Amino acid sequence: MPTNDHKPELHERHDSHANPDAPGYEITDVNINGIVVFLAGLMGFLVVFFVFCWVMGKAINGAYAKLDGPADKWHEAEGGGMKGLTSNPTFQQQKLQQLSAAFPEPRVDLDDGNQQIADLHAREDLMLEHYSSISGGTAVRIPIDRAMELIVERGLPVHATTAAEVKMAGEIEPQIQAPLTNGFARTGYELGVIEAREQKMNFGRAEAAAHAELTPAK
């Protein structure tokens, strides 16, 4: 008995789509209103989202500001506002210098006090080697070399002799033969600074002498 595997409804459906008058592409216009509505909705959503983020940021910063308390003179903004969020080494060094200049004593020594000791000895050298006036009086401080010369010329002041003190058996009065120290001991850092300063001065003198030799006499 002959059989027919083809279904008649499929033939009818295929014949209905095979329209010779169809161009083969979409012939309707684009829905401009739908695109405009979509873009407007997207922009509105972005605006609302950014406003929401800004409000949340202000609220969080305000909460942290309340927790931190009022700003003191070390953390207040300079010039009435922020100057940018730069984090370059130059900006950090400038801020460190400003804080160091305004930070009260005592401060932490970053070099084990070498520079502080060198500055102290430099001030002592100025007082020991030069004439200076004493504040609040008419007296004048003279250099130590001149003071030793005057002591050699005039001698030490003599105090009134007192009754000899009775000494115990075997007790000997100590006699100072030589000064125990020449004033103070300089540190290795200070000796290096002094040597570098002398080398710089010697180089300057040699350069000045060489320049004088090359310059013709008028």
C-alpha atoms as a PDB file:
ATOM      1  CA  MET A   1       0.000   0.000   0.000  1.00  0.00           C
ATOM      2  CA  PRO A   2       1.640   3.294  -0.960  1.00  0.00           C
ATOM      3  CA  THR A   3       2.439   5.684   1.862  1.00  0.00           C
ATOM      4  CA  ASN A   4       2.971   9.438   1.787  1.00  0.00           C
ATOM      5  CA  ASP A   5       5.393  10.690   4.529  1.00  0.00           C
ATOM      6  CA  HIS A   6       4.816  14.355   3.670  1.00  0.00           C
ATOM      7  CA  LYS A   7       2.239  16.078   5.813  1.00  0.00           C
ATOM      8  CA  PRO A   8      -0.202  18.307   3.981  1.00  0.00           C
ATOM      9  CA  GLU A   9      -0.173  21.076   6.611  1.00  0.00           C
ATOM     10  CA  LEU A  10       3.584  21.584   6.181  1.00  0.00           C
ATOM     11  CA  HIS A  11       3.123  22.060   2.470  1.00  0.00           C
ATOM     12  CA  GLU A  12       0.450  24.635   3.086  1.00  0.00           C
ATOM     13  CA  ARG A  13       2.635  26.526   5.616  1.00  0.00           C
ATOM     14  CA  HIS A  14       5.622  26.537   3.291  1.00  0.00           C
ATOM     15  CA  ASP A  15       3.525  27.762   0.427  1.00  0.00           C
ATOM     16  CA  SER A  16       2.157  30.562   2.506  1.00  0.00           C
ATOM     17  CA  HIS A  17       5.687  31.913   3.342  1.00  0.00           C
ATOM     18  CA  ALA A  18       7.018  31.600  -0.154  1.00  0.00           C
ATOM     19  CA  ASN A  19       5.501  34.882  -1.302  1.00  0.00           C
ATOM     20  CA  PRO A  20       7.147  36.143  -4.469  1.00  0.00           C
ATOM     21  CA  ASP A  21       6.130  39.728  -3.660  1.00  0.00           C
ATOM     22  CA  ALA A  22       8.035  39.834  -0.291  1.00  0.00           C
ATOM     23  CA  PRO A  23      11.347  41.923  -0.530  1.00  0.00           C
ATOM     24  CA  GLY A  24      13.203  39.757   2.016  1.00  0.00           C
ATOM     25  CA  TYR A  25      13.943  42.504   4.603  1.00  0.00           C
ATOM     26  CA  GLU A  26      12.177  44.639   7.185  1.00  0.00           C
ATOM     27  CA  ILE A  27      10.132  47.331   5.481  1.00  0.00           C
ATOM     28  CA  THR A  28       8.745  49.068   8.631  1.00  0.00           C
ATOM     29  CA  ASP A  29      10.384  52.242  10.074  1.00  0.00           C
ATOM     30  CA  VAL A  30      12.442  52.316  13.308  1.00  0.00           C
ATOM     31  CA  ASN A  31      10.509  53.217  16.433  1.00  0.00           C
ATOM     32  CA  ILE A  32      12.212  56.562  17.210  1.00  0.00           C
ATOM     33  CA  ASN A  33       9.981  57.266  20.164  1.00  0.00           C
ATOM     34  CA  GLY A  34      10.967  54.013  21.858  1.00  0.00           C
ATOM     35  CA  ILE A  35      14.693  54.730  21.439  1.00  0.00           C
ATOM     36  CA  VAL A  36      14.299  58.267  22.787  1.00  0.00           C
ATOM     37  CA  VAL A  37      12.333  56.999  25.782  1.00  0.00           C
ATOM     38  CA  PHE A  38      14.984  54.343  26.482  1.00  0.00           C
ATOM     39  CA  LEU A  39      17.900  56.829  26.343  1.00  0.00           C
ATOM     40  CA  ALA A  40      16.038  59.353  28.491  1.00  0.00           C
ATOM     41  CA  GLY A  41      15.307  56.665  31.063  1.00  0.00           C
ATOM     42  CA  LEU A  42      18.952  55.575  31.065  1.00  0.00           C
ATOM     43  CA  MET A  43      20.219  59.145  31.582  1.00  0.00           C
ATOM     44  CA  GLY A  44      17.690  59.716  34.337  1.00  0.00           C
ATOM     45  CA  PHE A  45      18.798  56.526  36.064  1.00  0.00           C
ATOM     46  CA  LEU A  46      22.474  57.592  35.874  1.00  0.00           C
ATOM     47  CA  VAL A  47      21.677  61.026  37.323  1.00  0.00           C
ATOM     48  CA  VAL A  48      19.695  59.510  40.184  1.00  0.00           C
ATOM     49  CA  PHE A  49      22.492  56.983  40.812  1.00  0.00           C
ATOM     50  CA  PHE A  50      25.221  59.676  40.986  1.00  0.00           C
ATOM     51  CA  VAL A  51      23.087  61.860  43.264  1.00  0.00           C
ATOM     52  CA  PHE A  52      22.481  58.875  45.523  1.00  0.00           C
ATOM     53  CA  CYS A  53      26.246  58.094  45.663  1.00  0.00           C
ATOM     54  CA  TRP A  54      27.059  61.747  46.447  1.00  0.00           C
ATOM     55  CA  VAL A  55      24.508  61.879  49.265  1.00  0.00           C
ATOM     56  CA  MET A  56      25.803  58.601  50.702  1.00  0.00           C
ATOM     57  CA  GLY A  57      29.398  59.856  50.539  1.00  0.00           C
ATOM     58  CA  LYS A  58      28.504  63.078  52.353  1.00  0.00           C
ATOM     59  CA  ALA A  59      26.651  61.110  55.012  1.00  0.00           C
ATOM     60  CA  ILE A  60      29.573  58.710  55.554  1.00  0.00           C
ATOM     61  CA  ASN A  61      32.145  61.542  55.686  1.00  0.00           C
ATOM     62  CA  GLY A  62      29.963  63.437  58.149  1.00  0.00           C
ATOM     63  CA  ALA A  63      29.717  60.376  60.379  1.00  0.00           C
ATOM     64  CA  TYR A  64      33.517  59.906  60.339  1.00  0.00           C
ATOM     65  CA  ALA A  65      34.041  63.621  61.046  1.00  0.00           C
ATOM     66  CA  LYS A  66      31.821  63.350  64.119  1.00  0.00           C
ATOM     67  CA  LEU A  67      33.784  60.323  65.297  1.00  0.00           C
ATOM     68  CA  ASP A  68      37.124  62.104  64.771  1.00  0.00           C
ATOM     69  CA  GLY A  69      36.035  65.236  66.626  1.00  0.00           C
ATOM     70  CA  PRO A  70      36.965  68.848  65.825  1.00  0.00           C
ATOM     71  CA  ALA A  71      40.134  69.450  63.782  1.00  0.00           C
ATOM     72  CA  ASP A  72      43.137  70.828  65.661  1.00  0.00           C
ATOM     73  CA  LYS A  73      45.881  73.071  64.352  1.00  0.00           C
ATOM     74  CA  TRP A  74      47.899  70.077  63.134  1.00  0.00           C
ATOM     75  CA  HIS A  75      45.134  68.662  60.930  1.00  0.00           C
ATOM     76  CA  GLU A  76      43.117  71.667  59.794  1.00  0.00           C
ATOM     77  CA  ALA A  77      43.078  72.484  56.098  1.00  0.00           C
ATOM     78  CA  GLU A  78      45.421  75.287  55.071  1.00  0.00           C
ATOM     79  CA  GLY A  79      44.047  78.178  53.029  1.00  0.00           C
ATOM     80  CA  GLY A  80      40.424  77.267  53.734  1.00  0.00           C
ATOM     81  CA  GLY A  81      40.214  74.231  51.446  1.00  0.00           C
ATOM     82  CA  MET A  82      41.893  71.228  49.966  1.00  0.00           C
ATOM     83  CA  LYS A  83      44.815  71.812  47.622  1.00  0.00           C
ATOM     84  CA  GLY A  84      44.586  68.492  45.828  1.00  0.00           C
ATOM     85  CA  LEU A  85      45.400  64.944  46.696  1.00  0.00           C
ATOM     86  CA  THR A  86      49.006  64.957  45.484  1.00  0.00           C
ATOM     87  CA  SER A  87      51.314  62.462  47.156  1.00  0.00           C
ATOM     88  CA  ASN A  88      54.634  63.244  45.542  1.00  0.00           C
ATOM     89  CA  PRO A  89      57.841  63.212  47.633  1.00  0.00           C
ATOM     90  CA  THR A  90      58.307  66.986  47.321  1.00  0.00           C
ATOM     91  CA  PHE A  91      54.901  67.700  48.811  1.00  0.00           C
ATOM     92  CA  GLN A  92      55.550  65.219  51.622  1.00  0.00           C
ATOM     93  CA  GLN A  93      58.910  66.806  52.416  1.00  0.00           C
ATOM     94  CA  GLN A  94      57.345  70.280  52.507  1.00  0.00           C
ATOM     95  CA  LYS A  95      54.640  69.113  54.909  1.00  0.00           C
ATOM     96  CA  LEU A  96      57.269  67.407  57.079  1.00  0.00           C
ATOM     97  CA  GLN A  97      59.350  70.589  57.214  1.00  0.00           C
ATOM     98  CA  GLN A  98      56.304  72.645  58.183  1.00  0.00           C
ATOM     99  CA  LEU A  99      55.361  70.217  60.947  1.00  0.00           C
ATOM    100  CA  SER A 100      58.970  70.030  62.170  1.00  0.00           C
ATOM    101  CA  ALA A 101      59.254  73.827  62.288  1.00  0.00           C
ATOM    102  CA  ALA A 102      56.051  74.165  64.314  1.00  0.00           C
ATOM    103  CA  PHE A 103      56.319  71.006  66.447  1.00  0.00           C
ATOM    104  CA  PRO A 104      57.353  71.751  70.048  1.00  0.00           C
ATOM    105  CA  GLU A 105      60.437  70.411  71.775  1.00  0.00           C
ATOM    106  CA  PRO A 106      61.628  67.813  72.591  1.00  0.00           C
ATOM    107  CA  ARG A 107      61.699  66.068  69.238  1.00  0.00           C
ATOM    108  CA  VAL A 108      62.823  62.615  68.223  1.00  0.00           C
ATOM    109  CA  ASP A 109      66.464  62.577  67.077  1.00  0.00           C
ATOM    110  CA  LEU A 110      66.689  60.929  63.666  1.00  0.00           C
ATOM    111  CA  ASP A 111      70.518  60.864  63.751  1.00  0.00           C
ATOM    112  CA  ASP A 112      71.103  59.911  67.406  1.00  0.00           C
ATOM    113  CA  GLY A 113      71.637  63.583  68.277  1.00  0.00           C
ATOM    114  CA  ASN A 114      74.779  64.001  66.144  1.00  0.00           C
ATOM    115  CA  GLN A 115      73.622  67.222  64.491  1.00  0.00           C
ATOM    116  CA  GLN A 116      72.350  68.603  67.799  1.00  0.00           C
ATOM    117  CA  ILE A 117      75.704  67.970  69.497  1.00  0.00           C
ATOM    118  CA  ALA A 118      77.554  69.498  66.546  1.00  0.00           C
ATOM    119  CA  ASP A 119      75.367  72.631  66.754  1.00  0.00           C
ATOM    120  CA  LEU A 120      75.977  72.850  70.514  1.00  0.00           C
ATOM    121  CA  HIS A 121      79.747  72.647  70.071  1.00  0.00           C
ATOM    122  CA  ALA A 122      79.603  75.218  67.265  1.00  0.00           C
ATOM    123  CA  ARG A 123      77.832  77.670  69.587  1.00  0.00           C
ATOM    124  CA  GLU A 124      80.402  76.950  72.309  1.00  0.00           C
ATOM    125  CA  ASP A 125      83.233  77.577  69.832  1.00  0.00           C
ATOM    126  CA  LEU A 126      81.717  80.953  68.947  1.00  0.00           C
ATOM    127  CA  MET A 127      81.607  81.963  72.603  1.00  0.00           C
ATOM    128  CA  LEU A 128      85.100  80.603  73.366  1.00  0.00           C
ATOM    129  CA  GLU A 129      86.905  82.057  70.338  1.00  0.00           C
ATOM    130  CA  HIS A 130      85.260  85.478  69.838  1.00  0.00           C
ATOM    131  CA  TYR A 131      84.342  88.578  71.802  1.00  0.00           C
ATOM    132  CA  SER A 132      80.705  88.830  72.796  1.00  0.00           C
ATOM    133  CA  SER A 133      78.561  90.948  75.060  1.00  0.00           C
ATOM    134  CA  ILE A 134      76.560  89.607  77.963  1.00  0.00           C
ATOM    135  CA  SER A 135      72.869  90.429  77.738  1.00  0.00           C
ATOM    136  CA  GLY A 136      71.563  92.602  80.551  1.00  0.00           C
ATOM    137  CA  GLY A 137      74.925  94.059  81.551  1.00  0.00           C
ATOM    138  CA  THR A 138      77.967  96.007  80.434  1.00  0.00           C
ATOM    139  CA  ALA A 139      80.428  93.119  80.777  1.00  0.00           C
ATOM    140  CA  VAL A 140      82.108  91.631  77.728  1.00  0.00           C
ATOM    141  CA  ARG A 141      82.994  87.992  77.210  1.00  0.00           C
ATOM    142  CA  ILE A 142      86.569  87.602  75.909  1.00  0.00           C
ATOM    143  CA  PRO A 143      88.076  84.663  73.974  1.00  0.00           C
ATOM    144  CA  ILE A 144      89.559  81.877  76.035  1.00  0.00           C
ATOM    145  CA  ASP A 145      93.037  82.344  74.542  1.00  0.00           C
ATOM    146  CA  ARG A 146      93.068  85.968  75.660  1.00  0.00           C
ATOM    147  CA  ALA A 147      91.782  84.934  79.082  1.00  0.00           C
ATOM    148  CA  MET A 148      94.671  82.477  79.504  1.00  0.00           C
ATOM    149  CA  GLU A 149      97.162  85.189  78.509  1.00  0.00           C
ATOM    150  CA  LEU A 150      95.722  87.536  81.134  1.00  0.00           C
ATOM    151  CA  ILE A 151      95.925  84.807  83.778  1.00  0.00           C
ATOM    152  CA  VAL A 152      99.571  84.206  82.908  1.00  0.00           C
ATOM    153  CA  GLU A 153     100.294  87.957  83.176  1.00  0.00           C
ATOM    154  CA  ARG A 154      98.271  88.752  86.310  1.00  0.00           C
ATOM    155  CA  GLY A 155      98.007  85.396  88.011  1.00  0.00           C
ATOM    156  CA  LEU A 156      94.984  83.835  89.673  1.00  0.00           C
ATOM    157  CA  PRO A 157      93.161  85.757  92.401  1.00  0.00           C
ATOM    158  CA  VAL A 158      94.445  84.855  95.879  1.00  0.00           C
ATOM    159  CA  HIS A 159      91.901  84.077  98.537  1.00  0.00           C
ATOM    160  CA  ALA A 160      92.447  84.665 102.220  1.00  0.00           C
ATOM    161  CA  THR A 161      94.316  81.810 103.830  1.00  0.00           C
ATOM    162  CA  THR A 162      92.362  79.759 106.279  1.00  0.00           C
ATOM    163  CA  ALA A 163      93.538  77.632 109.113  1.00  0.00           C
ATOM    164  CA  ALA A 164      95.273  74.478 107.993  1.00  0.00           C
ATOM    165  CA  GLU A 165      92.938  71.560 108.039  1.00  0.00           C
ATOM    166  CA  VAL A 166      94.001  68.645 110.180  1.00  0.00           C
ATOM    167  CA  LYS A 167      94.575  65.628 107.978  1.00  0.00           C
ATOM    168  CA  MET A 168      94.348  61.999 108.853  1.00  0.00           C
ATOM    169  CA  ALA A 169      97.423  59.776 108.907  1.00  0.00           C
ATOM    170  CA  GLY A 170      98.430  58.822 105.399  1.00  0.00           C
ATOM    171  CA  GLU A 171      96.102  61.360 103.757  1.00  0.00           C
ATOM    172  CA  ILE A 172      97.684  63.179 100.837  1.00  0.00           C
ATOM    173  CA  GLU A 173      96.332  66.333  99.294  1.00  0.00           C
ATOM    174  CA  PRO A 174      95.841  65.792  95.535  1.00  0.00           C
ATOM    175  CA  GLN A 175      97.825  68.007  93.192  1.00  0.00           C
ATOM    176  CA  ILE A 176      96.577  68.743  89.684  1.00  0.00           C
ATOM    177  CA  GLN A 177      99.473  68.408  87.283  1.00  0.00           C
ATOM    178  CA  ALA A 178      97.664  68.933  83.970  1.00  0.00           C
ATOM    179  CA  PRO A 179      94.127  69.654  82.793  1.00  0.00           C
ATOM    180  CA  LEU A 180      91.989  66.569  82.712  1.00  0.00           C
ATOM    181  CA  THR A 181      90.424  67.534  79.388  1.00  0.00           C
ATOM    182  CA  ASN A 182      90.684  70.226  76.732  1.00  0.00           C
ATOM    183  CA  GLY A 183      87.035  71.206  77.074  1.00  0.00           C
ATOM    184  CA  PHE A 184      84.924  68.519  75.402  1.00  0.00           C
ATOM    185  CA  ALA A 185      85.343  65.473  73.218  1.00  0.00           C
ATOM    186  CA  ARG A 186      84.086  65.826  69.656  1.00  0.00           C
ATOM    187  CA  THR A 187      82.055  63.031  68.135  1.00  0.00           C
ATOM    188  CA  GLY A 188      82.954  61.198  64.941  1.00  0.00           C
ATOM    189  CA  TYR A 189      80.089  62.882  63.102  1.00  0.00           C
ATOM    190  CA  GLU A 190      81.337  66.287  64.242  1.00  0.00           C
ATOM    191  CA  LEU A 191      84.916  65.518  63.215  1.00  0.00           C
ATOM    192  CA  GLY A 192      83.632  64.518  59.773  1.00  0.00           C
ATOM    193  CA  VAL A 193      81.664  67.765  59.476  1.00  0.00           C
ATOM    194  CA  ILE A 194      84.705  69.823  60.526  1.00  0.00           C
ATOM    195  CA  GLU A 195      86.942  67.973  58.053  1.00  0.00           C
ATOM    196  CA  ALA A 196      84.453  68.496  55.214  1.00  0.00           C
ATOM    197  CA  ARG A 197      84.183  72.196  56.116  1.00  0.00           C
ATOM    198  CA  GLU A 198      87.990  72.589  56.112  1.00  0.00           C
ATOM    199  CA  GLN A 199      88.277  70.800  52.763  1.00  0.00           C
ATOM    200  CA  LYS A 200      85.648  73.090  51.302  1.00  0.00           C
ATOM    201  CA  MET A 201      87.448  76.176  52.629  1.00  0.00           C
ATOM    202  CA  ASN A 202      90.810  74.936  51.322  1.00  0.00           C
ATOM    203  CA  PHE A 203      89.260  74.263  47.918  1.00  0.00           C
ATOM    204  CA  GLY A 204      87.783  77.768  47.901  1.00  0.00           C
ATOM    205  CA  ARG A 205      91.166  79.308  48.770  1.00  0.00           C
ATOM    206  CA  ALA A 206      92.939  77.282  46.078  1.00  0.00           C
ATOM    207  CA  GLU A 207      90.322  78.231  43.506  1.00  0.00           C
ATOM    208  CA  ALA A 208      90.592  81.889  44.456  1.00  0.00           C
ATOM    209  CA  ALA A 209      94.404  81.744  44.206  1.00  0.00           C
ATOM    210  CA  ALA A 210      94.250  80.054  40.793  1.00  0.00           C
ATOM    211  CA  HIS A 211      91.777  82.660  39.591  1.00  0.00           C
ATOM    212  CA  ALA A 212      94.052  85.447  40.866  1.00  0.00           C
ATOM    213  CA  GLU A 213      97.006  83.971  38.984  1.00  0.00           C
ATOM    214  CA  LEU A 214      95.055  83.756  35.746  1.00  0.00           C
ATOM    215  CA  THR A 215      93.676  87.273  36.039  1.00  0.00           C
ATOM    216  CA  PRO A 216      96.139  89.794  34.566  1.00  0.00           C
ATOM    217  CA  ALA A 217      97.232  92.590  36.875  1.00  0.00           C
ATOM    218  CA  LYS A 218      95.944  96.034  35.973  1.00  0.00           C
END
